[in-house]
Amino acid sequence: MGRKPNTSAQTRELLAAMLRQPRGWQYGYELSKVTGLKSGTLYPILLRLSDQGLLQSKWQEPEYPGKPPRHAYKLSPAGLALAREMAVTRVAVRRKLAGATS
């Protein structure tokens, strides 16, 4: 695993979306719809996380003839741990901010 995982807002959003279906394979197009990330942002993040061992990826054959194969992604055990850690941190920050405004 090369460099340290990026924790940009876009990466956190993607990992949070993948955490909703942590063990299932998900397609980039579906993740784009859920996160609102454009393909020029989403796919480089998916590739980087995959290169870092945080995602597993594979080509899936189409369900219907004439359709192209699709690339699918799912969280690896390390990616799942990171996504959960980020979710816990996000909740703690929200609670702290809510307490500060009370």
C-alpha atoms as a PDB file:
ATOM      1  CA  MET A   1       0.000   0.000   0.000  1.00  0.00           C
ATOM      2  CA  GLY A   2       1.829   3.115  -1.251  1.00  0.00           C
ATOM      3  CA  ARG A   3       0.930   6.458   0.204  1.00  0.00           C
ATOM      4  CA  LYS A   4      -1.286   7.244   3.173  1.00  0.00           C
ATOM      5  CA  PRO A   5      -5.023   7.102   2.382  1.00  0.00           C
ATOM      6  CA  ASN A   6      -6.434  10.433   1.294  1.00  0.00           C
ATOM      7  CA  THR A   7      -9.086  11.753   3.623  1.00  0.00           C
ATOM      8  CA  SER A   8     -10.484  14.451   1.347  1.00  0.00           C
ATOM      9  CA  ALA A   9     -14.160  15.303   1.640  1.00  0.00           C
ATOM     10  CA  GLN A  10     -14.816  13.431  -1.609  1.00  0.00           C
ATOM     11  CA  THR A  11     -13.015  10.313  -0.350  1.00  0.00           C
ATOM     12  CA  ARG A  12     -14.931  10.430   2.927  1.00  0.00           C
ATOM     13  CA  GLU A  13     -18.205  10.792   1.007  1.00  0.00           C
ATOM     14  CA  LEU A  14     -17.362   7.808  -1.186  1.00  0.00           C
ATOM     15  CA  LEU A  15     -16.353   5.605   1.745  1.00  0.00           C
ATOM     16  CA  ALA A  16     -19.525   6.585   3.636  1.00  0.00           C
ATOM     17  CA  ALA A  17     -21.615   5.608   0.599  1.00  0.00           C
ATOM     18  CA  MET A  18     -19.813   2.273   0.287  1.00  0.00           C
ATOM     19  CA  LEU A  19     -20.303   1.652   3.994  1.00  0.00           C
ATOM     20  CA  ARG A  20     -24.075   1.502   3.400  1.00  0.00           C
ATOM     21  CA  GLN A  21     -23.485  -1.801   1.573  1.00  0.00           C
ATOM     22  CA  PRO A  22     -20.124  -2.834   3.051  1.00  0.00           C
ATOM     23  CA  ARG A  23     -19.866  -6.371   1.708  1.00  0.00           C
ATOM     24  CA  GLY A  24     -21.609  -5.867  -1.637  1.00  0.00           C
ATOM     25  CA  TRP A  25     -20.132  -5.116  -5.037  1.00  0.00           C
ATOM     26  CA  GLN A  26     -21.022  -1.631  -6.269  1.00  0.00           C
ATOM     27  CA  TYR A  27     -20.670   0.046  -9.645  1.00  0.00           C
ATOM     28  CA  GLY A  28     -19.112   3.442 -10.222  1.00  0.00           C
ATOM     29  CA  TYR A  29     -22.272   4.805 -11.835  1.00  0.00           C
ATOM     30  CA  GLU A  30     -24.346   3.893  -8.761  1.00  0.00           C
ATOM     31  CA  LEU A  31     -21.746   5.437  -6.459  1.00  0.00           C
ATOM     32  CA  SER A  32     -21.764   8.584  -8.585  1.00  0.00           C
ATOM     33  CA  LYS A  33     -25.534   8.893  -8.206  1.00  0.00           C
ATOM     34  CA  VAL A  34     -25.401   8.356  -4.432  1.00  0.00           C
ATOM     35  CA  THR A  35     -22.466  10.692  -3.767  1.00  0.00           C
ATOM     36  CA  GLY A  36     -23.029  13.304  -6.451  1.00  0.00           C
ATOM     37  CA  LEU A  37     -19.372  12.961  -7.472  1.00  0.00           C
ATOM     38  CA  LYS A  38     -18.616  13.454 -11.158  1.00  0.00           C
ATOM     39  CA  SER A  39     -16.751  10.702 -12.998  1.00  0.00           C
ATOM     40  CA  GLY A  40     -13.585  12.820 -13.241  1.00  0.00           C
ATOM     41  CA  THR A  41     -13.466  12.905  -9.440  1.00  0.00           C
ATOM     42  CA  LEU A  42     -14.961   9.514  -8.595  1.00  0.00           C
ATOM     43  CA  TYR A  43     -12.920   7.172 -10.783  1.00  0.00           C
ATOM     44  CA  PRO A  44      -9.490   8.498  -9.779  1.00  0.00           C
ATOM     45  CA  ILE A  45     -10.517   8.028  -6.123  1.00  0.00           C
ATOM     46  CA  LEU A  46     -11.737   4.486  -6.825  1.00  0.00           C
ATOM     47  CA  LEU A  47      -8.490   3.641  -8.618  1.00  0.00           C
ATOM     48  CA  ARG A  48      -6.328   5.130  -5.880  1.00  0.00           C
ATOM     49  CA  LEU A  49      -8.215   3.351  -3.090  1.00  0.00           C
ATOM     50  CA  SER A  50      -7.987   0.116  -5.042  1.00  0.00           C
ATOM     51  CA  ASP A  51      -4.228   0.594  -5.549  1.00  0.00           C
ATOM     52  CA  GLN A  52      -3.891   1.207  -1.799  1.00  0.00           C
ATOM     53  CA  GLY A  53      -5.652  -2.056  -0.995  1.00  0.00           C
ATOM     54  CA  LEU A  54      -8.710  -0.344   0.486  1.00  0.00           C
ATOM     55  CA  LEU A  55     -11.037  -1.549  -2.279  1.00  0.00           C
ATOM     56  CA  GLN A  56     -11.342  -4.765  -4.194  1.00  0.00           C
ATOM     57  CA  SER A  57     -12.283  -4.458  -7.840  1.00  0.00           C
ATOM     58  CA  LYS A  58     -13.304  -6.839 -10.591  1.00  0.00           C
ATOM     59  CA  TRP A  59     -14.917  -6.913 -13.997  1.00  0.00           C
ATOM     60  CA  GLN A  60     -18.414  -8.346 -13.975  1.00  0.00           C
ATOM     61  CA  GLU A  61     -19.985  -9.848 -17.034  1.00  0.00           C
ATOM     62  CA  PRO A  62     -23.260  -8.257 -18.150  1.00  0.00           C
ATOM     63  CA  GLU A  63     -26.614  -9.692 -17.170  1.00  0.00           C
ATOM     64  CA  TYR A  64     -27.953  -9.258 -20.700  1.00  0.00           C
ATOM     65  CA  PRO A  65     -26.293  -9.992 -24.046  1.00  0.00           C
ATOM     66  CA  GLY A  66     -24.969  -6.969 -25.898  1.00  0.00           C
ATOM     67  CA  LYS A  67     -24.071  -5.032 -22.752  1.00  0.00           C
ATOM     68  CA  PRO A  68     -20.411  -4.406 -21.903  1.00  0.00           C
ATOM     69  CA  PRO A  69     -18.733  -5.800 -18.783  1.00  0.00           C
ATOM     70  CA  ARG A  70     -18.732  -3.426 -15.813  1.00  0.00           C
ATOM     71  CA  HIS A  71     -16.115  -2.696 -13.195  1.00  0.00           C
ATOM     72  CA  ALA A  72     -17.389  -3.329  -9.664  1.00  0.00           C
ATOM     73  CA  TYR A  73     -15.873  -2.283  -6.348  1.00  0.00           C
ATOM     74  CA  LYS A  74     -16.252  -3.303  -2.723  1.00  0.00           C
ATOM     75  CA  LEU A  75     -14.477  -2.443   0.501  1.00  0.00           C
ATOM     76  CA  SER A  76     -11.562  -4.664   1.449  1.00  0.00           C
ATOM     77  CA  PRO A  77     -11.162  -5.508   5.150  1.00  0.00           C
ATOM     78  CA  ALA A  78      -8.705  -2.581   5.494  1.00  0.00           C
ATOM     79  CA  GLY A  79     -11.087  -0.295   3.599  1.00  0.00           C
ATOM     80  CA  LEU A  80     -13.992  -1.344   5.769  1.00  0.00           C
ATOM     81  CA  ALA A  81     -11.972  -0.561   8.904  1.00  0.00           C
ATOM     82  CA  LEU A  82     -10.992   2.865   7.514  1.00  0.00           C
ATOM     83  CA  ALA A  83     -14.576   3.668   6.457  1.00  0.00           C
ATOM     84  CA  ARG A  84     -15.900   2.731   9.892  1.00  0.00           C
ATOM     85  CA  GLU A  85     -13.188   4.781  11.599  1.00  0.00           C
ATOM     86  CA  MET A  86     -14.071   7.798   9.449  1.00  0.00           C
ATOM     87  CA  ALA A  87     -17.781   7.349  10.217  1.00  0.00           C
ATOM     88  CA  VAL A  88     -17.120   7.282  13.972  1.00  0.00           C
ATOM     89  CA  THR A  89     -14.928  10.380  13.665  1.00  0.00           C
ATOM     90  CA  ARG A  90     -17.615  12.178  11.631  1.00  0.00           C
ATOM     91  CA  VAL A  91     -20.265  11.435  14.291  1.00  0.00           C
ATOM     92  CA  ALA A  92     -17.949  12.651  17.078  1.00  0.00           C
ATOM     93  CA  VAL A  93     -17.226  15.892  15.224  1.00  0.00           C
ATOM     94  CA  ARG A  94     -20.926  16.494  14.588  1.00  0.00           C
ATOM     95  CA  ARG A  95     -21.731  15.958  18.253  1.00  0.00           C
ATOM     96  CA  LYS A  96     -18.938  18.300  19.312  1.00  0.00           C
ATOM     97  CA  LEU A  97     -20.144  20.982  16.889  1.00  0.00           C
ATOM     98  CA  ALA A  98     -23.752  20.552  18.021  1.00  0.00           C
ATOM     99  CA  GLY A  99     -22.640  20.983  21.645  1.00  0.00           C
ATOM    100  CA  ALA A 100     -20.677  24.117  20.769  1.00  0.00           C
ATOM    101  CA  THR A 101     -23.710  25.792  19.214  1.00  0.00           C
ATOM    102  CA  SER A 102     -26.063  25.003  22.100  1.00  0.00           C
END
